[in-house]
Amino acid sequence: MGTIGDWGVILAISVLVGLYEWVRDMDRKPHINKLGRSLAGWFLYSSVVGIWCTFRWQALVVPLVFITLPVAVAAVILIYSARPRGGQQAAAELSADKHK
């Protein structure tokens, strides 16, 4: 489904938007061990956005829906799990203050 040019546009959108959102996440003081999970989540999320922008409602047609929906679910799970929780972030800041 789609031409090689369409998938090239999707890849370009995925890389640019994924890296942009990942850098924004780094400003929120994420945990170091969760940066890879955050990057993967934002890359997958931007892939879904690229697929949707390229194919519109055809992204929900039978062959492509088996790619679009699992990638969207995986992206949400990865992004959510990479976010610092209130207790985890407070504990990280306290331990950083102790080492000063």
Protein backbone atom coordinates (compact mmCIF):
# COMPACT_ATOMS: atom_id res chain seq x y z
CA MET A 1 0.00 0.00 0.00
CA GLY A 2 1.49 3.30 -1.04
CA THR A 3 4.57 4.06 -3.06
CA ILE A 4 8.17 4.19 -1.92
CA GLY A 5 7.83 7.98 -1.88
CA ASP A 6 4.90 7.76 0.54
CA TRP A 7 6.91 5.58 2.93
CA GLY A 8 9.88 7.94 2.57
CA VAL A 9 7.67 10.83 3.71
CA ILE A 10 6.47 8.72 6.65
CA LEU A 11 10.06 7.91 7.62
CA ALA A 12 11.10 11.57 7.39
CA ILE A 13 8.15 12.67 9.54
CA SER A 14 8.89 9.90 12.03
CA VAL A 15 12.53 10.86 12.45
CA LEU A 16 12.02 14.62 12.67
CA VAL A 17 8.97 14.66 14.93
CA GLY A 18 10.26 11.76 17.04
CA LEU A 19 13.59 13.48 17.71
CA TYR A 20 11.88 16.81 18.42
CA GLU A 21 9.51 15.33 20.98
CA TRP A 22 12.31 13.26 22.54
CA VAL A 23 14.42 16.40 23.04
CA ARG A 24 11.42 18.09 24.65
CA ASP A 25 11.13 15.09 27.01
CA MET A 26 14.79 15.45 27.96
CA ASP A 27 14.04 18.98 29.22
CA ARG A 28 11.60 17.50 31.77
CA LYS A 29 14.42 15.73 33.64
CA PRO A 30 13.58 12.13 32.66
CA HIS A 31 15.30 9.15 34.19
CA ILE A 32 18.46 8.25 32.31
CA ASN A 33 17.50 4.59 31.99
CA LYS A 34 14.20 5.56 30.31
CA LEU A 35 15.58 7.73 27.51
CA GLY A 36 15.67 4.84 25.03
CA ARG A 37 12.10 3.93 25.86
CA SER A 38 11.07 7.55 25.38
CA LEU A 39 12.85 7.79 22.00
CA ALA A 40 11.25 4.56 20.79
CA GLY A 41 7.82 5.73 21.92
CA TRP A 42 8.09 9.11 20.21
CA PHE A 43 9.43 7.50 17.03
CA LEU A 44 6.49 5.06 16.95
CA TYR A 45 4.01 7.83 17.73
CA SER A 46 5.35 10.01 14.94
CA SER A 47 5.21 6.99 12.61
CA VAL A 48 1.48 6.72 13.29
CA VAL A 49 1.12 10.45 12.66
CA GLY A 50 3.05 10.06 9.39
CA ILE A 51 0.91 7.11 8.30
CA TRP A 52 -2.25 9.04 9.15
CA CYS A 53 -1.09 12.21 7.34
CA THR A 54 -0.11 10.22 4.27
CA PHE A 55 -3.00 7.78 3.94
CA ARG A 56 -5.82 9.52 5.93
CA TRP A 57 -8.78 7.14 6.33
CA GLN A 58 -7.00 4.44 4.31
CA ALA A 59 -4.79 3.96 7.39
CA LEU A 60 -7.73 2.10 8.92
CA VAL A 61 -8.25 -0.24 5.95
CA VAL A 62 -7.51 -3.93 6.53
CA PRO A 63 -3.87 -4.32 5.41
CA LEU A 64 -2.64 -1.08 6.97
CA VAL A 65 -4.69 -1.26 10.18
CA PHE A 66 -2.54 -4.21 11.31
CA ILE A 67 0.42 -1.81 11.32
CA THR A 68 -1.26 1.41 12.46
CA LEU A 69 -3.14 0.30 15.57
CA PRO A 70 -0.42 -1.89 17.20
CA VAL A 71 2.17 0.83 16.60
CA ALA A 72 -0.15 3.44 18.14
CA VAL A 73 -0.78 1.28 21.22
CA ALA A 74 2.94 0.50 21.64
CA ALA A 75 3.79 4.20 21.31
CA VAL A 76 1.33 5.22 24.01
CA ILE A 77 2.60 2.50 26.37
CA LEU A 78 6.27 3.43 25.81
CA ILE A 79 5.71 7.17 26.19
CA TYR A 80 3.61 6.70 29.33
CA SER A 81 6.09 4.31 30.92
CA ALA A 82 9.02 6.66 30.21
CA ARG A 83 7.39 9.58 32.02
CA PRO A 84 8.71 10.26 35.51
CA ARG A 85 6.18 9.60 38.24
CA GLY A 86 5.68 12.04 41.10
CA GLY A 87 7.37 9.84 43.71
CA GLN A 88 10.16 8.71 41.41
CA GLN A 89 10.99 12.24 40.32
CA ALA A 90 10.96 13.54 43.89
CA ALA A 91 13.23 10.69 45.00
CA ALA A 92 15.63 11.36 42.13
CA GLU A 93 15.80 15.06 42.99
CA LEU A 94 16.42 14.26 46.67
CA SER A 95 19.26 11.90 45.86
CA ALA A 96 20.75 14.49 43.50
CA ASP A 97 20.62 17.08 46.27
CA LYS A 98 22.43 14.72 48.68
CA HIS A 99 25.33 14.35 46.26
CA LYS A 100 25.99 18.09 46.03
